[in-house]
Amino acid sequence: MSDSSTNLALPFIQPSQAQKHVTHNEAIARLDVLTQLAVVAFDAATPPAAPVEGAAYALGTAPTGAWAGQGGTVAAFQNGGWVFITPRAGWIAVAADTGRLRVMTPTGWRTPIFD
């Protein structure tokens, strides 16, 4: 059995696992970010000085500071720290301030083309 779900990488509770609530709460926190994914910014490079709990950022290719080495991920501020989630092709996100959509492709976040 895998340690996490296929599409959202949600952690599974393992047989005979101690502190099952920790794994369950981690999965709920991840769902809270990814369901109806709204980001503060796309191609973000520098973490905010005073991040807001629950805020998510779609990181660019070469972020700095606390985000260094996490290029291309979604950074979410949860429980006082950063959680990094690797998006999969087909995921849809909206810029919280403008309402503009982007879709994750194999080459990064792109503005969708509607036929």
N, C-alpha and C. Protein backbone atom coordinates (compact mmCIF):
# COMPACT_ATOMS: atom_id res chain seq x y z
N MET A 1 0.84 -1.18 0.00
CA MET A 1 0.00 0.00 0.00
C MET A 1 0.89 1.24 0.00
N SER A 2 0.52 2.21 -0.78
CA SER A 2 1.25 3.46 -0.88
C SER A 2 1.09 4.27 0.42
N ASP A 3 1.99 5.22 0.63
CA ASP A 3 1.91 6.11 1.80
C ASP A 3 1.00 7.30 1.56
N SER A 4 0.65 7.55 0.26
CA SER A 4 -0.17 8.72 -0.05
C SER A 4 -1.03 8.48 -1.28
N SER A 5 -2.05 9.32 -1.43
CA SER A 5 -2.97 9.19 -2.55
C SER A 5 -2.30 9.60 -3.86
N THR A 6 -2.81 9.09 -4.96
CA THR A 6 -2.20 9.30 -6.26
C THR A 6 -2.25 10.74 -6.74
N ASN A 7 -3.40 11.38 -6.70
CA ASN A 7 -3.55 12.69 -7.32
C ASN A 7 -3.16 13.87 -6.44
N LEU A 8 -3.51 13.87 -5.19
CA LEU A 8 -3.23 15.02 -4.33
C LEU A 8 -2.13 14.74 -3.31
N ALA A 9 -1.56 13.55 -3.33
CA ALA A 9 -0.51 13.16 -2.39
C ALA A 9 -0.95 13.34 -0.94
N LEU A 10 -2.20 13.03 -0.67
CA LEU A 10 -2.71 13.10 0.70
C LEU A 10 -2.16 11.91 1.48
N PRO A 11 -1.67 12.14 2.68
CA PRO A 11 -1.08 11.03 3.44
C PRO A 11 -2.15 10.05 3.92
N PHE A 12 -1.86 8.77 3.77
CA PHE A 12 -2.75 7.73 4.27
C PHE A 12 -2.38 7.38 5.70
N ILE A 13 -3.37 7.01 6.49
CA ILE A 13 -3.12 6.47 7.81
C ILE A 13 -2.67 5.03 7.61
N GLN A 14 -1.54 4.69 8.19
CA GLN A 14 -0.95 3.37 8.01
C GLN A 14 -1.42 2.42 9.12
N PRO A 15 -1.47 1.12 8.81
CA PRO A 15 -1.85 0.15 9.84
C PRO A 15 -0.91 0.26 11.05
N SER A 16 -1.46 0.17 12.21
CA SER A 16 -0.72 0.23 13.47
C SER A 16 0.02 1.54 13.68
N GLN A 17 -0.39 2.59 13.00
CA GLN A 17 0.26 3.89 13.14
C GLN A 17 -0.15 4.57 14.44
N ALA A 18 0.83 5.11 15.13
CA ALA A 18 0.56 5.91 16.33
C ALA A 18 0.17 7.32 15.90
N GLN A 19 -0.55 8.01 16.71
CA GLN A 19 -0.96 9.40 16.48
C GLN A 19 -1.62 9.58 15.11
N LYS A 20 -2.63 8.78 14.84
CA LYS A 20 -3.33 8.83 13.56
C LYS A 20 -3.92 10.22 13.27
N HIS A 21 -4.24 10.96 14.30
CA HIS A 21 -4.83 12.28 14.11
C HIS A 21 -3.86 13.22 13.39
N VAL A 22 -2.55 13.05 13.57
CA VAL A 22 -1.57 13.91 12.92
C VAL A 22 -1.64 13.73 11.40
N THR A 23 -1.66 12.50 10.94
CA THR A 23 -1.76 12.21 9.51
C THR A 23 -3.08 12.70 8.95
N HIS A 24 -4.15 12.45 9.67
CA HIS A 24 -5.47 12.90 9.22
C HIS A 24 -5.51 14.42 9.11
N ASN A 25 -5.00 15.12 10.12
CA ASN A 25 -5.01 16.58 10.10
C ASN A 25 -4.13 17.13 8.99
N GLU A 26 -3.03 16.47 8.68
CA GLU A 26 -2.17 16.89 7.58
C GLU A 26 -2.92 16.80 6.25
N ALA A 27 -3.67 15.73 6.08
CA ALA A 27 -4.46 15.56 4.85
C ALA A 27 -5.54 16.63 4.75
N ILE A 28 -6.21 16.92 5.84
CA ILE A 28 -7.25 17.96 5.83
C ILE A 28 -6.65 19.32 5.50
N ALA A 29 -5.49 19.64 6.08
CA ALA A 29 -4.83 20.92 5.80
C ALA A 29 -4.45 21.03 4.33
N ARG A 30 -3.97 19.95 3.75
CA ARG A 30 -3.61 19.95 2.33
C ARG A 30 -4.85 20.14 1.46
N LEU A 31 -5.93 19.47 1.80
CA LEU A 31 -7.19 19.65 1.06
C LEU A 31 -7.68 21.08 1.16
N ASP A 32 -7.49 21.70 2.33
CA ASP A 32 -7.93 23.08 2.54
C ASP A 32 -7.24 24.03 1.56
N VAL A 33 -6.00 23.74 1.20
CA VAL A 33 -5.27 24.56 0.23
C VAL A 33 -5.68 24.21 -1.20
N LEU A 34 -5.73 22.93 -1.50
CA LEU A 34 -5.87 22.51 -2.89
C LEU A 34 -7.29 22.55 -3.43
N THR A 35 -8.29 22.42 -2.58
CA THR A 35 -9.66 22.48 -3.05
C THR A 35 -9.99 23.94 -3.33
N GLN A 36 -10.40 24.23 -4.55
CA GLN A 36 -10.66 25.62 -4.96
C GLN A 36 -9.38 26.44 -4.81
N LEU A 37 -8.28 25.96 -5.40
CA LEU A 37 -6.96 26.57 -5.24
C LEU A 37 -6.94 28.03 -5.69
N ALA A 38 -6.76 28.92 -4.74
CA ALA A 38 -6.63 30.35 -5.00
C ALA A 38 -5.27 30.79 -4.48
N VAL A 39 -4.46 31.41 -5.33
CA VAL A 39 -3.11 31.81 -4.93
C VAL A 39 -3.00 33.33 -4.83
N VAL A 40 -2.13 33.77 -3.96
CA VAL A 40 -1.86 35.20 -3.82
C VAL A 40 -1.14 35.69 -5.07
N ALA A 41 -0.23 34.86 -5.61
CA ALA A 41 0.54 35.24 -6.79
C ALA A 41 1.01 34.01 -7.55
N PHE A 42 1.14 34.16 -8.86
CA PHE A 42 1.79 33.17 -9.70
C PHE A 42 3.24 33.62 -9.91
N ASP A 43 4.13 32.67 -10.14
CA ASP A 43 5.55 32.96 -10.38
C ASP A 43 6.18 33.74 -9.23
N ALA A 44 5.72 33.48 -8.01
CA ALA A 44 6.25 34.16 -6.83
C ALA A 44 7.70 33.76 -6.61
N ALA A 45 8.51 34.72 -6.16
CA ALA A 45 9.93 34.45 -5.98
C ALA A 45 10.43 34.69 -4.56
N THR A 46 9.78 35.58 -3.82
CA THR A 46 10.25 35.94 -2.49
C THR A 46 9.12 35.78 -1.48
N PRO A 47 9.35 35.03 -0.40
CA PRO A 47 8.31 34.87 0.62
C PRO A 47 7.94 36.22 1.24
N PRO A 48 6.67 36.39 1.61
CA PRO A 48 6.28 37.64 2.27
C PRO A 48 6.92 37.73 3.67
N ALA A 49 7.16 38.96 4.11
CA ALA A 49 7.76 39.17 5.43
C ALA A 49 6.83 38.71 6.55
N ALA A 50 5.53 38.90 6.36
CA ALA A 50 4.54 38.50 7.36
C ALA A 50 3.46 37.67 6.68
N PRO A 51 3.73 36.38 6.44
CA PRO A 51 2.75 35.56 5.74
C PRO A 51 1.46 35.39 6.53
N VAL A 52 0.37 35.26 5.80
CA VAL A 52 -0.95 35.07 6.38
C VAL A 52 -1.26 33.57 6.40
N GLU A 53 -1.76 33.10 7.53
CA GLU A 53 -2.13 31.68 7.65
C GLU A 53 -3.10 31.31 6.54
N GLY A 54 -2.79 30.22 5.82
CA GLY A 54 -3.65 29.73 4.75
C GLY A 54 -3.33 30.29 3.37
N ALA A 55 -2.45 31.28 3.30
CA ALA A 55 -2.11 31.88 2.00
C ALA A 55 -1.28 30.89 1.18
N ALA A 56 -1.54 30.87 -0.13
CA ALA A 56 -0.83 29.99 -1.05
C ALA A 56 -0.23 30.80 -2.19
N TYR A 57 0.94 30.38 -2.65
CA TYR A 57 1.66 31.04 -3.72
C TYR A 57 2.12 29.99 -4.72
N ALA A 58 1.94 30.26 -6.01
CA ALA A 58 2.47 29.39 -7.07
C ALA A 58 3.88 29.90 -7.35
N LEU A 59 4.88 29.13 -6.97
CA LEU A 59 6.25 29.60 -7.05
C LEU A 59 6.81 29.53 -8.47
N GLY A 60 7.67 30.51 -8.78
CA GLY A 60 8.37 30.53 -10.05
C GLY A 60 9.51 29.52 -10.04
N THR A 61 10.41 29.65 -11.00
CA THR A 61 11.46 28.64 -11.16
C THR A 61 12.62 28.78 -10.18
N ALA A 62 12.86 29.98 -9.65
CA ALA A 62 14.02 30.16 -8.76
C ALA A 62 13.67 31.02 -7.55
N PRO A 63 12.79 30.53 -6.68
CA PRO A 63 12.43 31.32 -5.49
C PRO A 63 13.60 31.41 -4.51
N THR A 64 13.53 32.39 -3.63
CA THR A 64 14.61 32.63 -2.67
C THR A 64 14.11 32.49 -1.23
N GLY A 65 15.02 32.71 -0.31
CA GLY A 65 14.68 32.68 1.12
C GLY A 65 14.13 31.33 1.55
N ALA A 66 13.06 31.36 2.33
CA ALA A 66 12.45 30.13 2.84
C ALA A 66 11.90 29.24 1.72
N TRP A 67 11.77 29.80 0.53
CA TRP A 67 11.27 29.04 -0.62
C TRP A 67 12.39 28.47 -1.49
N ALA A 68 13.64 28.76 -1.20
CA ALA A 68 14.76 28.31 -2.03
C ALA A 68 14.70 26.80 -2.26
N GLY A 69 14.93 26.41 -3.50
CA GLY A 69 14.92 24.99 -3.86
C GLY A 69 13.54 24.41 -4.09
N GLN A 70 12.50 25.22 -4.00
CA GLN A 70 11.12 24.72 -4.14
C GLN A 70 10.45 25.24 -5.41
N GLY A 71 11.22 25.62 -6.41
CA GLY A 71 10.67 26.15 -7.65
C GLY A 71 9.62 25.24 -8.26
N GLY A 72 8.55 25.85 -8.77
CA GLY A 72 7.49 25.11 -9.44
C GLY A 72 6.45 24.51 -8.51
N THR A 73 6.61 24.67 -7.22
CA THR A 73 5.63 24.11 -6.28
C THR A 73 4.61 25.17 -5.87
N VAL A 74 3.62 24.74 -5.13
CA VAL A 74 2.69 25.66 -4.48
C VAL A 74 3.14 25.72 -3.03
N ALA A 75 3.44 26.92 -2.55
CA ALA A 75 3.84 27.13 -1.16
C ALA A 75 2.63 27.60 -0.39
N ALA A 76 2.28 26.89 0.66
CA ALA A 76 1.13 27.26 1.50
C ALA A 76 1.63 27.48 2.92
N PHE A 77 1.20 28.58 3.53
CA PHE A 77 1.59 28.88 4.91
C PHE A 77 0.56 28.24 5.83
N GLN A 78 0.97 27.20 6.54
CA GLN A 78 0.07 26.45 7.42
C GLN A 78 0.73 26.19 8.76
N ASN A 79 -0.01 26.42 9.81
CA ASN A 79 0.47 26.15 11.17
C ASN A 79 1.80 26.82 11.45
N GLY A 80 1.97 28.03 10.94
CA GLY A 80 3.16 28.80 11.22
C GLY A 80 4.39 28.45 10.39
N GLY A 81 4.22 27.62 9.36
CA GLY A 81 5.36 27.25 8.52
C GLY A 81 4.93 27.00 7.08
N TRP A 82 5.89 26.86 6.19
CA TRP A 82 5.61 26.64 4.78
C TRP A 82 5.50 25.16 4.46
N VAL A 83 4.48 24.82 3.70
CA VAL A 83 4.29 23.47 3.17
C VAL A 83 4.37 23.60 1.65
N PHE A 84 5.11 22.70 1.01
CA PHE A 84 5.30 22.77 -0.44
C PHE A 84 4.62 21.58 -1.10
N ILE A 85 3.80 21.87 -2.10
CA ILE A 85 3.02 20.85 -2.78
C ILE A 85 3.35 20.93 -4.27
N THR A 86 3.70 19.80 -4.85
CA THR A 86 4.02 19.77 -6.28
C THR A 86 2.74 19.60 -7.07
N PRO A 87 2.39 20.61 -7.89
CA PRO A 87 1.15 20.51 -8.68
C PRO A 87 1.32 19.54 -9.85
N ARG A 88 0.22 18.96 -10.27
CA ARG A 88 0.21 18.02 -11.40
C ARG A 88 -0.45 18.67 -12.59
N ALA A 89 -0.10 18.20 -13.77
CA ALA A 89 -0.70 18.71 -15.01
C ALA A 89 -2.22 18.58 -14.91
N GLY A 90 -2.91 19.66 -15.28
CA GLY A 90 -4.37 19.67 -15.24
C GLY A 90 -4.95 20.41 -14.05
N TRP A 91 -4.14 20.67 -13.03
CA TRP A 91 -4.65 21.42 -11.88
C TRP A 91 -4.99 22.83 -12.33
N ILE A 92 -6.02 23.40 -11.73
CA ILE A 92 -6.47 24.74 -12.05
C ILE A 92 -6.35 25.59 -10.79
N ALA A 93 -5.83 26.81 -10.98
CA ALA A 93 -5.71 27.75 -9.87
C ALA A 93 -6.20 29.11 -10.34
N VAL A 94 -6.63 29.92 -9.40
CA VAL A 94 -7.09 31.27 -9.70
C VAL A 94 -6.28 32.25 -8.86
N ALA A 95 -5.95 33.39 -9.47
CA ALA A 95 -5.31 34.46 -8.72
C ALA A 95 -6.38 35.11 -7.86
N ALA A 96 -6.19 35.09 -6.55
CA ALA A 96 -7.21 35.57 -5.61
C ALA A 96 -7.59 37.03 -5.84
N ASP A 97 -6.63 37.85 -6.27
CA ASP A 97 -6.92 39.28 -6.41
C ASP A 97 -7.58 39.64 -7.74
N THR A 98 -7.29 38.89 -8.81
CA THR A 98 -7.82 39.25 -10.13
C THR A 98 -8.87 38.28 -10.66
N GLY A 99 -8.89 37.07 -10.10
CA GLY A 99 -9.81 36.05 -10.60
C GLY A 99 -9.35 35.39 -11.89
N ARG A 100 -8.13 35.65 -12.33
CA ARG A 100 -7.62 35.05 -13.56
C ARG A 100 -7.20 33.60 -13.31
N LEU A 101 -7.62 32.74 -14.23
CA LEU A 101 -7.32 31.32 -14.13
C LEU A 101 -6.00 30.97 -14.80
N ARG A 102 -5.37 29.94 -14.25
CA ARG A 102 -4.23 29.32 -14.91
C ARG A 102 -4.36 27.81 -14.72
N VAL A 103 -3.80 27.09 -15.68
CA VAL A 103 -3.82 25.63 -15.66
C VAL A 103 -2.38 25.14 -15.63
N MET A 104 -2.11 24.15 -14.80
CA MET A 104 -0.77 23.57 -14.75
C MET A 104 -0.58 22.66 -15.96
N THR A 105 0.49 22.90 -16.68
CA THR A 105 0.86 22.07 -17.83
C THR A 105 2.22 21.44 -17.53
N PRO A 106 2.70 20.55 -18.39
CA PRO A 106 4.04 19.99 -18.16
C PRO A 106 5.14 21.05 -18.16
N THR A 107 4.87 22.25 -18.68
CA THR A 107 5.88 23.31 -18.71
C THR A 107 5.58 24.45 -17.74
N GLY A 108 4.59 24.30 -16.87
CA GLY A 108 4.29 25.32 -15.87
C GLY A 108 2.87 25.83 -15.97
N TRP A 109 2.56 26.87 -15.17
CA TRP A 109 1.22 27.46 -15.14
C TRP A 109 1.00 28.27 -16.41
N ARG A 110 -0.12 28.02 -17.10
CA ARG A 110 -0.44 28.71 -18.34
C ARG A 110 -1.87 29.21 -18.30
N THR A 111 -2.13 30.33 -18.97
CA THR A 111 -3.48 30.85 -19.11
C THR A 111 -4.25 29.89 -20.03
N PRO A 112 -5.44 29.45 -19.63
CA PRO A 112 -6.18 28.51 -20.46
C PRO A 112 -6.68 29.13 -21.75
N ILE A 113 -6.79 28.30 -22.75
CA ILE A 113 -7.37 28.70 -24.03
C ILE A 113 -8.69 27.96 -24.14
N PHE A 114 -9.75 28.73 -24.28
CA PHE A 114 -11.08 28.13 -24.38
C PHE A 114 -11.45 28.04 -25.84
N ASP A 115 -11.80 26.83 -26.28
CA ASP A 115 -12.22 26.61 -27.69
C ASP A 115 -13.64 27.01 -27.90
